[in-house]
């Protein structure tokens, strides 16, 4: 589904969207708002690059960050649900990952965790291992995957 189709579908369902982004730094929100008329369905984007920003803006728990780290499905879930609580949106997507360069044995470059939350939906989380593609390619792949997740979320809302 193209971004234009995604926005059209959200508008038809009367669904506002918000993003909660870390490693993509607002790229998903930018892709959505590049389309004229997107203000009808894009409520806001949270760029929460630091752990403190995740806590302050989205309500991610310090205990979760301490226990599993920012690059985790648990934090992606809290980010998506926090974006839902702290916005006027009915559907949110979150992204937290290691775009590179670098990483570790336990959290390698290219690991990105996603969350998808929506009114009346069970929050979905997943981890994608994009691999060490380089920072730019990991970020673009994560952006595109998040847009696909939003399309999935709209399908789920459309079934309710």
N, C-alpha and C. Protein backbone atom coordinates (compact mmCIF):
# COMPACT_ATOMS: atom_id res chain seq x y z
N UNK A 1 0.85 -1.17 0.00
CA UNK A 1 0.00 0.00 0.00
C UNK A 1 0.90 1.24 0.00
N UNK A 2 0.63 2.16 -0.89
CA UNK A 2 1.41 3.40 -0.92
C UNK A 2 1.04 4.28 0.27
N UNK A 3 1.87 5.26 0.53
CA UNK A 3 1.59 6.18 1.64
C UNK A 3 0.29 6.93 1.37
N UNK A 4 0.06 7.33 0.14
CA UNK A 4 -1.19 8.02 -0.22
C UNK A 4 -2.39 7.12 0.05
N UNK A 5 -2.28 5.85 -0.33
CA UNK A 5 -3.38 4.91 -0.08
C UNK A 5 -3.59 4.71 1.42
N UNK A 6 -2.50 4.64 2.16
CA UNK A 6 -2.58 4.49 3.61
C UNK A 6 -3.34 5.67 4.22
N UNK A 7 -2.99 6.87 3.80
CA UNK A 7 -3.67 8.06 4.32
C UNK A 7 -5.14 8.09 3.91
N UNK A 8 -5.42 7.70 2.68
CA UNK A 8 -6.81 7.65 2.21
C UNK A 8 -7.63 6.65 3.02
N UNK A 9 -7.01 5.50 3.33
CA UNK A 9 -7.69 4.46 4.12
C UNK A 9 -7.97 4.98 5.54
N UNK A 10 -6.98 5.64 6.13
CA UNK A 10 -7.16 6.20 7.48
C UNK A 10 -8.29 7.23 7.47
N UNK A 11 -8.31 8.07 6.45
CA UNK A 11 -9.35 9.09 6.36
C UNK A 11 -10.73 8.45 6.22
N UNK A 12 -10.82 7.41 5.40
CA UNK A 12 -12.10 6.72 5.20
C UNK A 12 -12.59 6.08 6.50
N UNK A 13 -11.66 5.63 7.33
CA UNK A 13 -12.01 5.00 8.61
C UNK A 13 -12.12 6.02 9.74
N UNK A 14 -11.83 7.29 9.44
CA UNK A 14 -11.84 8.34 10.44
C UNK A 14 -10.86 8.04 11.58
N UNK A 15 -9.64 7.62 11.19
CA UNK A 15 -8.60 7.25 12.14
C UNK A 15 -7.46 8.26 12.05
N UNK A 16 -7.09 8.80 13.21
CA UNK A 16 -5.90 9.64 13.31
C UNK A 16 -4.72 8.76 13.69
N UNK A 17 -3.54 9.12 13.18
CA UNK A 17 -2.32 8.33 13.36
C UNK A 17 -1.27 9.17 14.09
N UNK A 18 -0.47 8.52 14.93
CA UNK A 18 0.69 9.15 15.55
C UNK A 18 1.86 8.18 15.48
N UNK A 19 3.06 8.74 15.51
CA UNK A 19 4.27 7.92 15.48
C UNK A 19 5.10 8.17 16.73
N UNK A 20 5.83 7.15 17.16
CA UNK A 20 6.78 7.26 18.26
C UNK A 20 8.09 6.66 17.74
N UNK A 21 9.05 7.51 17.46
CA UNK A 21 10.25 7.07 16.76
C UNK A 21 11.51 7.34 17.57
N UNK A 22 12.43 6.39 17.49
CA UNK A 22 13.74 6.59 18.07
C UNK A 22 14.77 6.56 16.93
N UNK A 23 15.20 5.38 16.49
CA UNK A 23 16.30 5.32 15.53
C UNK A 23 15.98 5.94 14.17
N UNK A 24 14.71 6.10 13.83
CA UNK A 24 14.35 6.73 12.56
C UNK A 24 14.22 8.24 12.67
N UNK A 25 14.23 8.78 13.87
CA UNK A 25 14.29 10.21 14.07
C UNK A 25 13.22 11.04 13.37
N UNK A 26 12.04 10.48 13.18
CA UNK A 26 10.95 11.23 12.56
C UNK A 26 10.71 10.91 11.09
N UNK A 27 11.41 9.92 10.57
CA UNK A 27 11.28 9.59 9.15
C UNK A 27 9.89 9.08 8.78
N UNK A 28 9.23 8.37 9.69
CA UNK A 28 7.88 7.87 9.40
C UNK A 28 6.91 9.04 9.35
N UNK A 29 7.00 9.92 10.33
CA UNK A 29 6.14 11.11 10.34
C UNK A 29 6.40 11.95 9.10
N UNK A 30 7.65 12.08 8.69
CA UNK A 30 7.98 12.85 7.50
C UNK A 30 7.38 12.21 6.25
N UNK A 31 7.46 10.88 6.15
CA UNK A 31 6.89 10.19 4.98
C UNK A 31 5.38 10.42 4.91
N UNK A 32 4.73 10.40 6.06
CA UNK A 32 3.28 10.63 6.09
C UNK A 32 2.93 12.07 5.73
N UNK A 33 3.68 13.00 6.29
CA UNK A 33 3.33 14.41 6.10
C UNK A 33 3.88 14.99 4.81
N UNK A 34 4.65 14.22 4.06
CA UNK A 34 5.07 14.64 2.72
C UNK A 34 3.88 14.71 1.76
N UNK A 35 2.80 14.02 2.10
CA UNK A 35 1.63 13.93 1.23
C UNK A 35 0.67 15.07 1.56
N UNK A 36 0.28 15.87 0.54
CA UNK A 36 -0.69 16.94 0.79
C UNK A 36 -1.99 16.38 1.38
N UNK A 37 -2.54 17.08 2.34
CA UNK A 37 -3.79 16.66 2.97
C UNK A 37 -3.61 15.71 4.13
N UNK A 38 -2.35 15.37 4.44
CA UNK A 38 -2.11 14.41 5.52
C UNK A 38 -2.55 14.91 6.88
N UNK A 39 -2.73 16.22 7.02
CA UNK A 39 -3.16 16.76 8.31
C UNK A 39 -4.54 16.26 8.71
N UNK A 40 -5.28 15.70 7.77
CA UNK A 40 -6.59 15.14 8.10
C UNK A 40 -6.47 13.87 8.93
N UNK A 41 -5.31 13.22 8.89
CA UNK A 41 -5.16 11.94 9.60
C UNK A 41 -3.89 11.81 10.44
N UNK A 42 -2.92 12.68 10.27
CA UNK A 42 -1.70 12.60 11.08
C UNK A 42 -1.82 13.58 12.24
N UNK A 43 -1.88 13.01 13.44
CA UNK A 43 -2.02 13.84 14.64
C UNK A 43 -0.70 14.43 15.07
N UNK A 44 0.33 13.58 15.24
CA UNK A 44 1.63 14.05 15.70
C UNK A 44 2.65 12.94 15.59
N UNK A 45 3.91 13.35 15.74
CA UNK A 45 5.01 12.41 15.81
C UNK A 45 5.88 12.74 17.01
N UNK A 46 6.22 11.71 17.76
CA UNK A 46 7.13 11.85 18.89
C UNK A 46 8.49 11.33 18.46
N UNK A 47 9.52 12.16 18.55
CA UNK A 47 10.88 11.68 18.34
C UNK A 47 11.52 11.59 19.71
N UNK A 48 11.71 10.37 20.16
CA UNK A 48 12.21 10.13 21.52
C UNK A 48 13.51 9.35 21.40
N UNK A 49 14.57 10.08 21.09
CA UNK A 49 15.86 9.46 20.82
C UNK A 49 16.54 8.96 22.09
N UNK A 50 16.38 9.69 23.18
CA UNK A 50 17.01 9.27 24.44
C UNK A 50 16.03 8.51 25.31
N UNK A 51 16.58 7.78 26.27
CA UNK A 51 15.72 7.08 27.22
C UNK A 51 14.88 8.08 28.01
N UNK A 52 15.51 9.21 28.39
CA UNK A 52 14.77 10.24 29.15
C UNK A 52 13.58 10.74 28.35
N UNK A 53 13.75 10.95 27.06
CA UNK A 53 12.64 11.41 26.22
C UNK A 53 11.55 10.35 26.15
N UNK A 54 11.93 9.09 26.05
CA UNK A 54 10.94 8.01 26.03
C UNK A 54 10.11 8.03 27.31
N UNK A 55 10.78 8.23 28.44
CA UNK A 55 10.08 8.29 29.72
C UNK A 55 9.18 9.52 29.81
N UNK A 56 9.74 10.70 29.50
CA UNK A 56 9.02 11.96 29.68
C UNK A 56 7.87 12.14 28.69
N UNK A 57 8.08 11.82 27.45
CA UNK A 57 7.06 12.09 26.41
C UNK A 57 6.05 10.96 26.24
N UNK A 58 6.49 9.72 26.50
CA UNK A 58 5.62 8.58 26.21
C UNK A 58 5.26 7.76 27.43
N UNK A 59 5.91 8.05 28.56
CA UNK A 59 5.61 7.28 29.77
C UNK A 59 6.25 5.91 29.81
N UNK A 60 7.30 5.69 29.00
CA UNK A 60 8.02 4.42 29.09
C UNK A 60 8.60 4.33 30.49
N UNK A 61 8.47 3.18 31.10
CA UNK A 61 8.91 3.01 32.49
C UNK A 61 10.42 2.85 32.58
N UNK A 62 11.03 3.56 33.51
CA UNK A 62 12.47 3.45 33.75
C UNK A 62 12.85 2.00 34.07
N UNK A 63 11.96 1.30 34.76
CA UNK A 63 12.21 -0.09 35.12
C UNK A 63 12.32 -0.97 33.88
N UNK A 64 11.49 -0.70 32.89
CA UNK A 64 11.55 -1.47 31.65
C UNK A 64 12.85 -1.20 30.92
N UNK A 65 13.21 0.07 30.83
CA UNK A 65 14.47 0.44 30.16
C UNK A 65 15.66 -0.20 30.86
N UNK A 66 15.66 -0.18 32.19
CA UNK A 66 16.77 -0.76 32.96
C UNK A 66 16.83 -2.28 32.79
N UNK A 67 15.68 -2.91 32.72
CA UNK A 67 15.63 -4.38 32.67
C UNK A 67 15.99 -4.94 31.30
N UNK A 68 15.49 -4.30 30.22
CA UNK A 68 15.66 -4.90 28.89
C UNK A 68 16.33 -3.98 27.87
N UNK A 69 16.51 -2.72 28.21
CA UNK A 69 17.14 -1.79 27.29
C UNK A 69 16.15 -1.21 26.30
N UNK A 70 16.56 -0.12 25.68
CA UNK A 70 15.67 0.61 24.77
C UNK A 70 15.32 -0.19 23.53
N UNK A 71 16.25 -1.03 23.07
CA UNK A 71 15.99 -1.81 21.86
C UNK A 71 15.40 -3.15 22.28
N UNK A 72 14.09 -3.14 22.45
CA UNK A 72 13.36 -4.32 22.91
C UNK A 72 11.89 -4.18 22.53
N UNK A 73 11.24 -5.30 22.41
CA UNK A 73 9.80 -5.28 22.12
C UNK A 73 9.02 -4.69 23.28
N UNK A 74 9.50 -4.89 24.50
CA UNK A 74 8.82 -4.33 25.66
C UNK A 74 8.78 -2.80 25.58
N UNK A 75 9.92 -2.20 25.24
CA UNK A 75 9.96 -0.74 25.12
C UNK A 75 9.16 -0.29 23.89
N UNK A 76 9.24 -1.01 22.80
CA UNK A 76 8.44 -0.66 21.61
C UNK A 76 6.95 -0.66 21.96
N UNK A 77 6.52 -1.63 22.77
CA UNK A 77 5.11 -1.71 23.20
C UNK A 77 4.74 -0.50 24.04
N UNK A 78 5.60 -0.18 25.02
CA UNK A 78 5.30 0.97 25.88
C UNK A 78 5.33 2.28 25.08
N UNK A 79 6.20 2.36 24.09
CA UNK A 79 6.24 3.56 23.24
C UNK A 79 4.94 3.71 22.44
N UNK A 80 4.50 2.63 21.81
CA UNK A 80 3.28 2.69 21.00
C UNK A 80 2.06 3.01 21.86
N UNK A 81 1.97 2.35 23.01
CA UNK A 81 0.84 2.60 23.90
C UNK A 81 0.91 4.00 24.50
N UNK A 82 2.11 4.47 24.79
CA UNK A 82 2.28 5.83 25.30
C UNK A 82 1.89 6.87 24.27
N UNK A 83 2.23 6.63 23.02
CA UNK A 83 1.85 7.56 21.95
C UNK A 83 0.32 7.61 21.82
N UNK A 84 -0.32 6.47 22.02
CA UNK A 84 -1.78 6.42 21.97
C UNK A 84 -2.38 7.26 23.11
N UNK A 85 -1.82 7.11 24.31
CA UNK A 85 -2.32 7.85 25.48
C UNK A 85 -2.05 9.34 25.39
N UNK A 86 -0.92 9.73 24.81
CA UNK A 86 -0.49 11.13 24.82
C UNK A 86 -0.78 11.85 23.50
N UNK A 87 -1.74 11.35 22.76
CA UNK A 87 -2.09 11.98 21.49
C UNK A 87 -3.60 11.89 21.28
N UNK A 88 -4.03 12.42 20.17
CA UNK A 88 -5.43 12.30 19.78
C UNK A 88 -5.62 11.22 18.74
N UNK A 89 -4.64 10.33 18.61
CA UNK A 89 -4.67 9.30 17.58
C UNK A 89 -5.42 8.06 18.05
N UNK A 90 -5.88 7.30 17.08
CA UNK A 90 -6.50 6.00 17.35
C UNK A 90 -5.59 4.85 16.94
N UNK A 91 -4.47 5.18 16.24
CA UNK A 91 -3.53 4.17 15.78
C UNK A 91 -2.12 4.74 15.87
N UNK A 92 -1.21 3.99 16.48
CA UNK A 92 0.17 4.46 16.61
C UNK A 92 1.15 3.36 16.24
N UNK A 93 2.30 3.79 15.77
CA UNK A 93 3.40 2.87 15.49
C UNK A 93 4.64 3.39 16.21
N UNK A 94 5.46 2.46 16.71
CA UNK A 94 6.70 2.86 17.37
C UNK A 94 7.87 2.10 16.77
N UNK A 95 9.04 2.73 16.89
CA UNK A 95 10.28 2.15 16.35
C UNK A 95 11.40 2.46 17.32
N UNK A 96 12.16 1.42 17.68
CA UNK A 96 13.37 1.60 18.48
C UNK A 96 14.37 0.56 18.02
N UNK A 97 15.59 0.99 17.71
CA UNK A 97 16.54 0.02 17.19
C UNK A 97 17.96 0.55 17.13
N UNK A 98 18.81 -0.27 16.52
CA UNK A 98 20.22 0.07 16.34
C UNK A 98 20.48 0.19 14.85
N UNK A 99 20.49 1.42 14.36
CA UNK A 99 20.70 1.65 12.93
C UNK A 99 22.18 1.50 12.56
N UNK A 100 23.05 1.72 13.50
CA UNK A 100 24.48 1.58 13.23
C UNK A 100 25.14 2.93 13.05
N UNK A 101 26.41 2.94 12.91
CA UNK A 101 27.25 1.73 12.95
C UNK A 101 27.40 1.23 14.38
N UNK A 102 27.76 -0.01 14.48
CA UNK A 102 27.98 -0.57 15.80
C UNK A 102 26.91 -1.56 16.20
N UNK A 103 26.71 -1.67 17.47
CA UNK A 103 25.84 -2.69 18.01
C UNK A 103 26.68 -3.55 18.95
N UNK A 104 26.13 -4.67 19.35
CA UNK A 104 26.85 -5.56 20.25
C UNK A 104 26.49 -6.99 19.91
N UNK A 105 27.11 -7.91 20.61
CA UNK A 105 26.83 -9.33 20.42
C UNK A 105 25.36 -9.62 20.71
N UNK A 106 24.80 -8.91 21.70
CA UNK A 106 23.44 -9.17 22.13
C UNK A 106 22.40 -8.34 21.38
N UNK A 107 22.83 -7.16 20.91
CA UNK A 107 21.93 -6.29 20.15
C UNK A 107 22.70 -5.78 18.94
N UNK A 108 22.65 -6.57 17.85
CA UNK A 108 23.47 -6.25 16.69
C UNK A 108 22.92 -5.09 15.86
N UNK A 109 23.80 -4.49 15.09
CA UNK A 109 23.40 -3.45 14.15
C UNK A 109 22.31 -4.01 13.25
N UNK A 110 21.30 -3.19 13.01
CA UNK A 110 20.19 -3.60 12.14
C UNK A 110 19.02 -4.23 12.87
N UNK A 111 19.11 -4.40 14.19
CA UNK A 111 17.97 -4.92 14.96
C UNK A 111 17.03 -3.75 15.27
N UNK A 112 15.78 -3.89 14.87
CA UNK A 112 14.80 -2.84 15.10
C UNK A 112 13.53 -3.49 15.65
N UNK A 113 13.02 -2.90 16.73
CA UNK A 113 11.80 -3.38 17.37
C UNK A 113 10.67 -2.40 17.07
N UNK A 114 9.51 -2.95 16.80
CA UNK A 114 8.35 -2.16 16.42
C UNK A 114 7.18 -2.45 17.34
N UNK A 115 6.32 -1.46 17.50
CA UNK A 115 5.06 -1.64 18.22
C UNK A 115 3.94 -1.02 17.41
N UNK A 116 2.78 -1.61 17.50
CA UNK A 116 1.58 -1.09 16.83
C UNK A 116 0.44 -1.14 17.84
N UNK A 117 -0.10 0.02 18.18
CA UNK A 117 -1.19 0.09 19.15
C UNK A 117 -2.36 0.83 18.54
N UNK A 118 -3.55 0.44 18.94
CA UNK A 118 -4.74 1.11 18.43
C UNK A 118 -5.90 0.95 19.38
N UNK A 119 -6.82 1.88 19.29
CA UNK A 119 -8.03 1.79 20.10
C UNK A 119 -8.74 0.47 19.83
N UNK A 120 -8.97 -0.29 20.89
CA UNK A 120 -9.69 -1.56 20.76
C UNK A 120 -8.86 -2.69 20.17
N UNK A 121 -7.56 -2.49 19.99
CA UNK A 121 -6.71 -3.53 19.41
C UNK A 121 -5.71 -4.03 20.45
N UNK A 122 -5.33 -5.27 20.35
CA UNK A 122 -4.24 -5.79 21.16
C UNK A 122 -2.95 -5.27 20.53
N UNK A 123 -2.06 -4.73 21.35
CA UNK A 123 -0.81 -4.18 20.85
C UNK A 123 0.05 -5.29 20.27
N UNK A 124 0.54 -5.03 19.07
CA UNK A 124 1.41 -5.96 18.36
C UNK A 124 2.84 -5.47 18.50
N UNK A 125 3.77 -6.39 18.74
CA UNK A 125 5.19 -6.03 18.73
C UNK A 125 5.93 -7.05 17.90
N UNK A 126 7.06 -6.60 17.32
CA UNK A 126 7.90 -7.52 16.58
C UNK A 126 9.30 -6.95 16.46
N UNK A 127 10.24 -7.83 16.24
CA UNK A 127 11.63 -7.45 16.01
C UNK A 127 12.01 -7.90 14.62
N UNK A 128 12.65 -7.00 13.89
CA UNK A 128 13.15 -7.33 12.55
C UNK A 128 14.66 -7.16 12.57
N UNK A 129 15.35 -8.15 12.07
CA UNK A 129 16.81 -8.11 11.94
C UNK A 129 17.12 -7.71 10.49
N UNK A 130 17.34 -6.43 10.28
CA UNK A 130 17.65 -5.95 8.93
C UNK A 130 19.10 -6.26 8.55
N UNK A 131 19.95 -6.49 9.54
CA UNK A 131 21.36 -6.77 9.29
C UNK A 131 22.16 -5.49 9.18
N UNK A 132 23.45 -5.65 9.03
CA UNK A 132 24.37 -4.51 8.99
C UNK A 132 24.40 -3.91 7.58
N UNK A 133 23.30 -3.31 7.19
CA UNK A 133 23.15 -2.71 5.87
C UNK A 133 23.79 -1.33 5.78
N UNK A 134 24.13 -0.77 6.93
CA UNK A 134 24.56 0.62 7.01
C UNK A 134 23.41 1.45 7.55
N UNK A 135 23.75 2.51 8.23
CA UNK A 135 22.80 3.35 8.94
C UNK A 135 21.64 3.82 8.06
N UNK A 136 21.94 4.38 6.91
CA UNK A 136 20.89 4.93 6.05
C UNK A 136 19.90 3.86 5.60
N UNK A 137 20.43 2.70 5.20
CA UNK A 137 19.55 1.63 4.69
C UNK A 137 18.71 1.02 5.80
N UNK A 138 19.29 0.88 6.98
CA UNK A 138 18.50 0.35 8.12
C UNK A 138 17.37 1.31 8.45
N UNK A 139 17.67 2.60 8.49
CA UNK A 139 16.63 3.59 8.81
C UNK A 139 15.52 3.60 7.76
N UNK A 140 15.89 3.52 6.49
CA UNK A 140 14.87 3.50 5.43
C UNK A 140 14.02 2.22 5.50
N UNK A 141 14.68 1.10 5.74
CA UNK A 141 13.95 -0.17 5.85
C UNK A 141 13.00 -0.13 7.04
N UNK A 142 13.46 0.45 8.16
CA UNK A 142 12.61 0.56 9.34
C UNK A 142 11.42 1.47 9.06
N UNK A 143 11.67 2.58 8.40
CA UNK A 143 10.57 3.49 8.03
C UNK A 143 9.52 2.75 7.20
N UNK A 144 9.98 2.05 6.17
CA UNK A 144 9.04 1.35 5.29
C UNK A 144 8.27 0.26 6.03
N UNK A 145 8.96 -0.44 6.93
CA UNK A 145 8.28 -1.49 7.70
C UNK A 145 7.21 -0.88 8.61
N UNK A 146 7.53 0.26 9.22
CA UNK A 146 6.56 0.93 10.09
C UNK A 146 5.33 1.36 9.29
N UNK A 147 5.54 1.85 8.08
CA UNK A 147 4.40 2.24 7.23
C UNK A 147 3.55 1.02 6.90
N UNK A 148 4.20 -0.12 6.64
CA UNK A 148 3.45 -1.36 6.40
C UNK A 148 2.66 -1.77 7.64
N UNK A 149 3.27 -1.59 8.81
CA UNK A 149 2.54 -1.91 10.05
C UNK A 149 1.31 -1.03 10.22
N UNK A 150 1.43 0.26 9.88
CA UNK A 150 0.26 1.14 9.96
C UNK A 150 -0.85 0.64 9.03
N UNK A 151 -0.48 0.18 7.84
CA UNK A 151 -1.48 -0.37 6.91
C UNK A 151 -2.14 -1.60 7.52
N UNK A 152 -1.35 -2.45 8.17
CA UNK A 152 -1.89 -3.62 8.87
C UNK A 152 -2.86 -3.18 9.95
N UNK A 153 -2.47 -2.17 10.71
CA UNK A 153 -3.34 -1.67 11.78
C UNK A 153 -4.65 -1.14 11.24
N UNK A 154 -4.60 -0.44 10.13
CA UNK A 154 -5.84 0.07 9.51
C UNK A 154 -6.73 -1.08 9.06
N UNK A 155 -6.13 -2.15 8.57
CA UNK A 155 -6.92 -3.34 8.19
C UNK A 155 -7.61 -3.94 9.40
N UNK A 156 -6.86 -3.99 10.52
CA UNK A 156 -7.43 -4.55 11.74
C UNK A 156 -8.58 -3.68 12.26
N UNK A 157 -8.39 -2.36 12.22
CA UNK A 157 -9.44 -1.44 12.66
C UNK A 157 -10.65 -1.55 11.72
N UNK A 158 -10.39 -1.70 10.43
CA UNK A 158 -11.47 -1.80 9.45
C UNK A 158 -12.33 -3.02 9.63
N UNK A 159 -11.80 -4.05 10.30
CA UNK A 159 -12.55 -5.28 10.56
C UNK A 159 -13.46 -5.17 11.76
N UNK A 160 -13.19 -4.19 12.62
CA UNK A 160 -13.99 -4.03 13.86
C UNK A 160 -15.33 -3.41 13.56
